C-alpha atoms as a PDB file:
ATOM      1  CA  UNK A   1      28.184  33.836 -49.524  1.00  0.00           C
ATOM      2  CA  UNK A   2      24.847  34.552 -47.332  1.00  0.00           C
ATOM      3  CA  UNK A   3      27.100  37.243 -45.582  1.00  0.00           C
ATOM      4  CA  UNK A   4      28.596  38.941 -48.498  1.00  0.00           C
ATOM      5  CA  UNK A   5      25.174  39.351 -49.802  1.00  0.00           C
ATOM      6  CA  UNK A   6      23.498  40.525 -46.884  1.00  0.00           C
ATOM      7  CA  UNK A   7      26.639  42.647 -47.177  1.00  0.00           C
ATOM      8  CA  UNK A   8      26.259  44.119 -50.354  1.00  0.00           C
ATOM      9  CA  UNK A   9      22.279  44.865 -50.144  1.00  0.00           C
ATOM     10  CA  UNK A  10      22.671  46.824 -46.733  1.00  0.00           C
ATOM     11  CA  UNK A  11      25.778  48.835 -48.550  1.00  0.00           C
ATOM     12  CA  UNK A  12      25.485  49.013 -52.075  1.00  0.00           C
ATOM     13  CA  UNK A  13      27.865  50.528 -54.422  1.00  0.00           C
ATOM     14  CA  UNK A  14      26.534  53.031 -55.679  1.00  0.00           C
ATOM     15  CA  UNK A  15      29.474  55.704 -56.161  1.00  0.00           C
ATOM     16  CA  UNK A  16      30.779  53.150 -58.921  1.00  0.00           C
ATOM     17  CA  UNK A  17      28.955  53.301 -62.541  1.00  0.00           C
ATOM     18  CA  UNK A  18      28.001  49.925 -63.395  1.00  0.00           C
ATOM     19  CA  UNK A  19      30.932  48.909 -65.994  1.00  0.00           C
ATOM     20  CA  UNK A  20      28.434  46.085 -67.586  1.00  0.00           C
ATOM     21  CA  UNK A  21      25.044  44.884 -68.013  1.00  0.00           C
ATOM     22  CA  UNK A  22      26.008  41.864 -66.151  1.00  0.00           C
ATOM     23  CA  UNK A  23      27.957  44.099 -63.254  1.00  0.00           C
ATOM     24  CA  UNK A  24      24.207  46.032 -63.139  1.00  0.00           C
ATOM     25  CA  UNK A  25      22.486  42.739 -62.955  1.00  0.00           C
ATOM     26  CA  UNK A  26      24.251  41.468 -60.251  1.00  0.00           C
ATOM     27  CA  UNK A  27      24.073  44.489 -58.093  1.00  0.00           C
ATOM     28  CA  UNK A  28      20.441  45.389 -58.577  1.00  0.00           C
ATOM     29  CA  UNK A  29      19.448  41.566 -58.038  1.00  0.00           C
ATOM     30  CA  UNK A  30      20.254  40.854 -54.514  1.00  0.00           C
ATOM     31  CA  UNK A  31      18.608  44.681 -53.434  1.00  0.00           C
ATOM     32  CA  UNK A  32      15.314  43.455 -55.493  1.00  0.00           C
ATOM     33  CA  UNK A  33      15.004  39.993 -54.502  1.00  0.00           C
ATOM     34  CA  UNK A  34      15.533  41.146 -50.825  1.00  0.00           C
ATOM     35  CA  UNK A  35      13.471  43.993 -51.146  1.00  0.00           C
ATOM     36  CA  UNK A  36      10.894  41.837 -52.528  1.00  0.00           C
ATOM     37  CA  UNK A  37      11.310  39.271 -49.685  1.00  0.00           C
ATOM     38  CA  UNK A  38      10.811  41.612 -47.453  1.00  0.00           C
ATOM     39  CA  UNK A  39       7.416  42.922 -48.721  1.00  0.00           C
ATOM     40  CA  UNK A  40       5.752  39.365 -49.900  1.00  0.00           C
ATOM     41  CA  UNK A  41       3.972  37.891 -46.957  1.00  0.00           C
ATOM     42  CA  UNK A  42       4.575  34.570 -47.666  1.00  0.00           C
ATOM     43  CA  UNK A  43       7.859  34.864 -46.500  1.00  0.00           C
ATOM     44  CA  UNK A  44       6.967  36.905 -43.828  1.00  0.00           C
ATOM     45  CA  UNK A  45       4.490  33.677 -42.885  1.00  0.00           C
ATOM     46  CA  UNK A  46       7.377  31.359 -43.389  1.00  0.00           C
ATOM     47  CA  UNK A  47       9.231  33.068 -41.035  1.00  0.00           C
ATOM     48  CA  UNK A  48       7.218  33.233 -38.485  1.00  0.00           C
ATOM     49  CA  UNK A  49       6.442  29.071 -38.621  1.00  0.00           C
ATOM     50  CA  UNK A  50       9.576  29.021 -38.001  1.00  0.00           C
ATOM     51  CA  UNK A  51      10.037  31.270 -35.162  1.00  0.00           C
ATOM     52  CA  UNK A  52       6.169  29.549 -33.515  1.00  0.00           C
ATOM     53  CA  UNK A  53       7.373  25.760 -34.586  1.00  0.00           C
ATOM     54  CA  UNK A  54      10.791  26.957 -32.423  1.00  0.00           C
ATOM     55  CA  UNK A  55       9.015  28.340 -29.659  1.00  0.00           C
ATOM     56  CA  UNK A  56       6.354  25.360 -30.104  1.00  0.00           C
ATOM     57  CA  UNK A  57       9.294  22.992 -29.239  1.00  0.00           C
ATOM     58  CA  UNK A  58      11.011  24.742 -26.596  1.00  0.00           C
ATOM     59  CA  UNK A  59       7.549  24.743 -24.706  1.00  0.00           C
ATOM     60  CA  UNK A  60       7.182  21.019 -25.009  1.00  0.00           C
ATOM     61  CA  UNK A  61      10.346  20.470 -24.002  1.00  0.00           C
ATOM     62  CA  UNK A  62       9.675  22.894 -20.690  1.00  0.00           C
ATOM     63  CA  UNK A  63       6.633  20.744 -20.508  1.00  0.00           C
ATOM     64  CA  UNK A  64       8.317  17.482 -20.766  1.00  0.00           C
ATOM     65  CA  UNK A  65      10.736  18.514 -18.000  1.00  0.00           C
ATOM     66  CA  UNK A  66       8.391  19.940 -15.641  1.00  0.00           C
ATOM     67  CA  UNK A  67       6.037  16.257 -16.283  1.00  0.00           C
ATOM     68  CA  UNK A  68       8.821  14.484 -15.595  1.00  0.00           C
ATOM     69  CA  UNK A  69       9.713  16.971 -12.229  1.00  0.00           C
ATOM     70  CA  UNK A  70       6.318  16.271 -11.394  1.00  0.00           C
ATOM     71  CA  UNK A  71       6.384  12.668 -11.659  1.00  0.00           C
ATOM     72  CA  UNK A  72       9.973  12.465 -10.043  1.00  0.00           C
ATOM     73  CA  UNK A  73       7.544  13.938  -6.813  1.00  0.00           C
ATOM     74  CA  UNK A  74       5.062  12.255  -6.888  1.00  0.00           C
ATOM     75  CA  UNK A  75       7.102   8.930  -6.980  1.00  0.00           C
ATOM     76  CA  UNK A  76       9.130  10.240  -3.875  1.00  0.00           C
ATOM     77  CA  UNK A  77       5.700  11.205  -2.268  1.00  0.00           C
ATOM     78  CA  UNK A  78       4.397   8.112  -2.705  1.00  0.00           C
ATOM     79  CA  UNK A  79       8.037   6.117  -1.614  1.00  0.00           C
ATOM     80  CA  UNK A  80       7.816   8.422   1.543  1.00  0.00           C
ATOM     81  CA  UNK A  81       4.602   7.617   2.352  1.00  0.00           C
ATOM     82  CA  UNK A  82       5.367   3.551   1.786  1.00  0.00           C
ATOM     83  CA  UNK A  83       8.110   4.028   4.056  1.00  0.00           C
ATOM     84  CA  UNK A  84       6.176   6.318   7.185  1.00  0.00           C
ATOM     85  CA  UNK A  85       3.368   2.695   6.415  1.00  0.00           C
ATOM     86  CA  UNK A  86       5.839  -0.016   7.155  1.00  0.00           C
ATOM     87  CA  UNK A  87       7.533   2.410   9.818  1.00  0.00           C
ATOM     88  CA  UNK A  88       4.030   3.211  11.698  1.00  0.00           C
ATOM     89  CA  UNK A  89       3.332  -1.189  10.938  1.00  0.00           C
ATOM     90  CA  UNK A  90       6.521  -2.113  12.405  1.00  0.00           C
ATOM     91  CA  UNK A  91       6.265   0.145  15.710  1.00  0.00           C
ATOM     92  CA  UNK A  92       2.345  -1.130  15.693  1.00  0.00           C
ATOM     93  CA  UNK A  93       3.760  -4.822  15.899  1.00  0.00           C
ATOM     94  CA  UNK A  94       6.710  -4.013  18.042  1.00  0.00           C
ATOM     95  CA  UNK A  95       4.353  -2.721  20.671  1.00  0.00           C
ATOM     96  CA  UNK A  96       2.036  -5.446  20.293  1.00  0.00           C
ATOM     97  CA  UNK A  97       4.878  -7.866  20.757  1.00  0.00           C
ATOM     98  CA  UNK A  98       5.798  -5.706  23.680  1.00  0.00           C
ATOM     99  CA  UNK A  99       2.312  -5.874  25.206  1.00  0.00           C
ATOM    100  CA  UNK A 100       2.018  -9.275  24.609  1.00  0.00           C
ATOM    101  CA  UNK A 101       5.178 -10.579  26.096  1.00  0.00           C
ATOM    102  CA  UNK A 102       4.464  -7.957  29.186  1.00  0.00           C
ATOM    103  CA  UNK A 103       1.465  -9.928  29.871  1.00  0.00           C
ATOM    104  CA  UNK A 104       2.817 -13.467  29.296  1.00  0.00           C
ATOM    105  CA  UNK A 105       4.815 -15.523  31.913  1.00  0.00           C
ATOM    106  CA  UNK A 106       8.318 -14.984  31.745  1.00  0.00           C
ATOM    107  CA  UNK A 107       8.762 -18.630  33.724  1.00  0.00           C
ATOM    108  CA  UNK A 108       6.711 -21.970  33.567  1.00  0.00           C
ATOM    109  CA  UNK A 109       6.810 -21.989  37.376  1.00  0.00           C
ATOM    110  CA  UNK A 110       4.967 -18.484  36.984  1.00  0.00           C
ATOM    111  CA  UNK A 111       2.413 -20.293  34.540  1.00  0.00           C
ATOM    112  CA  UNK A 112       1.734 -22.881  37.453  1.00  0.00           C
ATOM    113  CA  UNK A 113       0.856 -19.800  39.634  1.00  0.00           C
ATOM    114  CA  UNK A 114      -0.789 -17.742  37.729  1.00  0.00           C
ATOM    115  CA  UNK A 115      -3.468 -20.720  37.706  1.00  0.00           C
ATOM    116  CA  UNK A 116      -3.696 -21.915  41.406  1.00  0.00           C
ATOM    117  CA  UNK A 117      -4.931 -17.877  41.632  1.00  0.00           C
ATOM    118  CA  UNK A 118      -7.232 -17.901  38.959  1.00  0.00           C
ATOM    119  CA  UNK A 119      -8.743 -21.157  40.426  1.00  0.00           C
ATOM    120  CA  UNK A 120      -9.135 -19.401  43.480  1.00  0.00           C
ATOM    121  CA  UNK A 121     -10.703 -16.607  42.730  1.00  0.00           C
ATOM    122  CA  UNK A 122     -14.165 -16.738  42.742  1.00  0.00           C
ATOM    123  CA  UNK A 123     -17.191 -14.488  41.908  1.00  0.00           C
ATOM    124  CA  UNK A 124     -19.177 -13.418  45.217  1.00  0.00           C
ATOM    125  CA  UNK A 125     -22.534 -13.601  43.394  1.00  0.00           C
ATOM    126  CA  UNK A 126     -21.600 -16.970  42.018  1.00  0.00           C
ATOM    127  CA  UNK A 127     -21.063 -18.251  45.868  1.00  0.00           C
ATOM    128  CA  UNK A 128     -24.346 -16.588  47.088  1.00  0.00           C
ATOM    129  CA  UNK A 129     -26.360 -18.219  43.905  1.00  0.00           C
ATOM    130  CA  UNK A 130     -24.616 -21.664  45.223  1.00  0.00           C
ATOM    131  CA  UNK A 131     -22.807 -22.151  41.932  1.00  0.00           C
ATOM    132  CA  UNK A 132     -19.623 -21.304  43.170  1.00  0.00           C
ATOM    133  CA  UNK A 133     -16.827 -23.989  41.973  1.00  0.00           C
ATOM    134  CA  UNK A 134     -19.356 -26.921  41.659  1.00  0.00           C
ATOM    135  CA  UNK A 135     -18.682 -26.987  37.443  1.00  0.00           C
ATOM    136  CA  UNK A 136     -18.934 -31.236  37.849  1.00  0.00           C
ATOM    137  CA  UNK A 137     -23.144 -30.199  37.370  1.00  0.00           C
ATOM    138  CA  UNK A 138     -24.126 -30.429  33.802  1.00  0.00           C
ATOM    139  CA  UNK A 139     -27.215 -30.593  32.179  1.00  0.00           C
ATOM    140  CA  UNK A 140     -28.897 -34.000  31.556  1.00  0.00           C
ATOM    141  CA  UNK A 141     -28.735 -34.550  28.277  1.00  0.00           C
ATOM    142  CA  UNK A 142     -26.129 -32.250  26.274  1.00  0.00           C
ATOM    143  CA  UNK A 143     -27.834 -31.362  22.649  1.00  0.00           C
ATOM    144  CA  UNK A 144     -26.100 -33.017  19.607  1.00  0.00           C
ATOM    145  CA  UNK A 145     -24.995 -31.344  16.725  1.00  0.00           C
ATOM    146  CA  UNK A 146     -27.514 -32.606  14.691  1.00  0.00           C
ATOM    147  CA  UNK A 147     -30.398 -31.629  17.289  1.00  0.00           C
ATOM    148  CA  UNK A 148     -33.223 -31.564  14.188  1.00  0.00           C
ATOM    149  CA  UNK A 149     -32.419 -35.469  13.791  1.00  0.00           C
ATOM    150  CA  UNK A 150     -32.247 -36.343  17.517  1.00  0.00           C
ATOM    151  CA  UNK A 151     -36.440 -36.199  17.410  1.00  0.00           C
ATOM    152  CA  UNK A 152     -36.278 -38.254  14.262  1.00  0.00           C
ATOM    153  CA  UNK A 153     -34.451 -40.921  15.299  1.00  0.00           C
ATOM    154  CA  UNK A 154     -35.859 -40.843  18.775  1.00  0.00           C
ATOM    155  CA  UNK A 155     -39.397 -41.216  17.023  1.00  0.00           C
ATOM    156  CA  UNK A 156     -38.219 -43.801  14.245  1.00  0.00           C
ATOM    157  CA  UNK A 157     -35.984 -45.962  17.177  1.00  0.00           C
ATOM    158  CA  UNK A 158     -39.267 -46.014  19.119  1.00  0.00           C
ATOM    159  CA  UNK A 159     -41.847 -46.977  15.726  1.00  0.00           C
ATOM    160  CA  UNK A 160     -39.171 -49.321  14.851  1.00  0.00           C
ATOM    161  CA  UNK A 161     -39.161 -50.879  18.004  1.00  0.00           C
ATOM    162  CA  UNK A 162     -42.801 -50.976  18.393  1.00  0.00           C
ATOM    163  CA  UNK A 163     -42.912 -52.852  14.945  1.00  0.00           C
ATOM    164  CA  UNK A 164     -39.858 -54.990  16.088  1.00  0.00           C
ATOM    165  CA  UNK A 165     -41.708 -55.853  19.199  1.00  0.00           C
ATOM    166  CA  UNK A 166     -45.405 -56.880  17.475  1.00  0.00           C
ATOM    167  CA  UNK A 167     -43.318 -59.094  14.575  1.00  0.00           C
ATOM    168  CA  UNK A 168     -41.453 -61.043  17.058  1.00  0.00           C
ATOM    169  CA  UNK A 169     -44.297 -61.780  19.607  1.00  0.00           C
ATOM    170  CA  UNK A 170     -47.983 -62.345  18.051  1.00  0.00           C
ATOM    171  CA  UNK A 171     -49.410 -63.276  20.915  1.00  0.00           C
ATOM    172  CA  UNK A 172     -48.180 -59.987  22.430  1.00  0.00           C
ATOM    173  CA  UNK A 173     -51.219 -58.106  21.352  1.00  0.00           C
ATOM    174  CA  UNK A 174     -53.407 -60.635  23.315  1.00  0.00           C
ATOM    175  CA  UNK A 175     -51.507 -60.217  25.864  1.00  0.00           C
END
């Protein structure tokens, strides 16, 4: 129907005269409606609004697609970075394990021979000072962990010991 109306507006039948008032209204009504729609700014703004909405929807769709692509790339980058870190950690662990295996003795008998070698190795400076292989000498008295209370106990013990002696032997003062 809209196609027929548009065709009639674009191709008016001006060769044939109006047969009646109804025929005249029917032919001219479409032309006048279309002319009014073109000249009236409200219809133009509605058309612009529809076009702008279509463009806005297209821009939104493009924005969502771009955002999804960016997020996908970032996620892939993070996953690749995490994979690289895991690979580096595994390589470092393997290197540390290889170093540990290179340093560790292979057999128990090798451990015994290494122990003998360590005992025989002596620093020449220690030998000159007379301290070589002489590990039996220790301090006369090693301080305990609670070194602050050691003195108090000693002081307390001596005072308590003197008081006990004074109590037990009243004649000890005179002697």
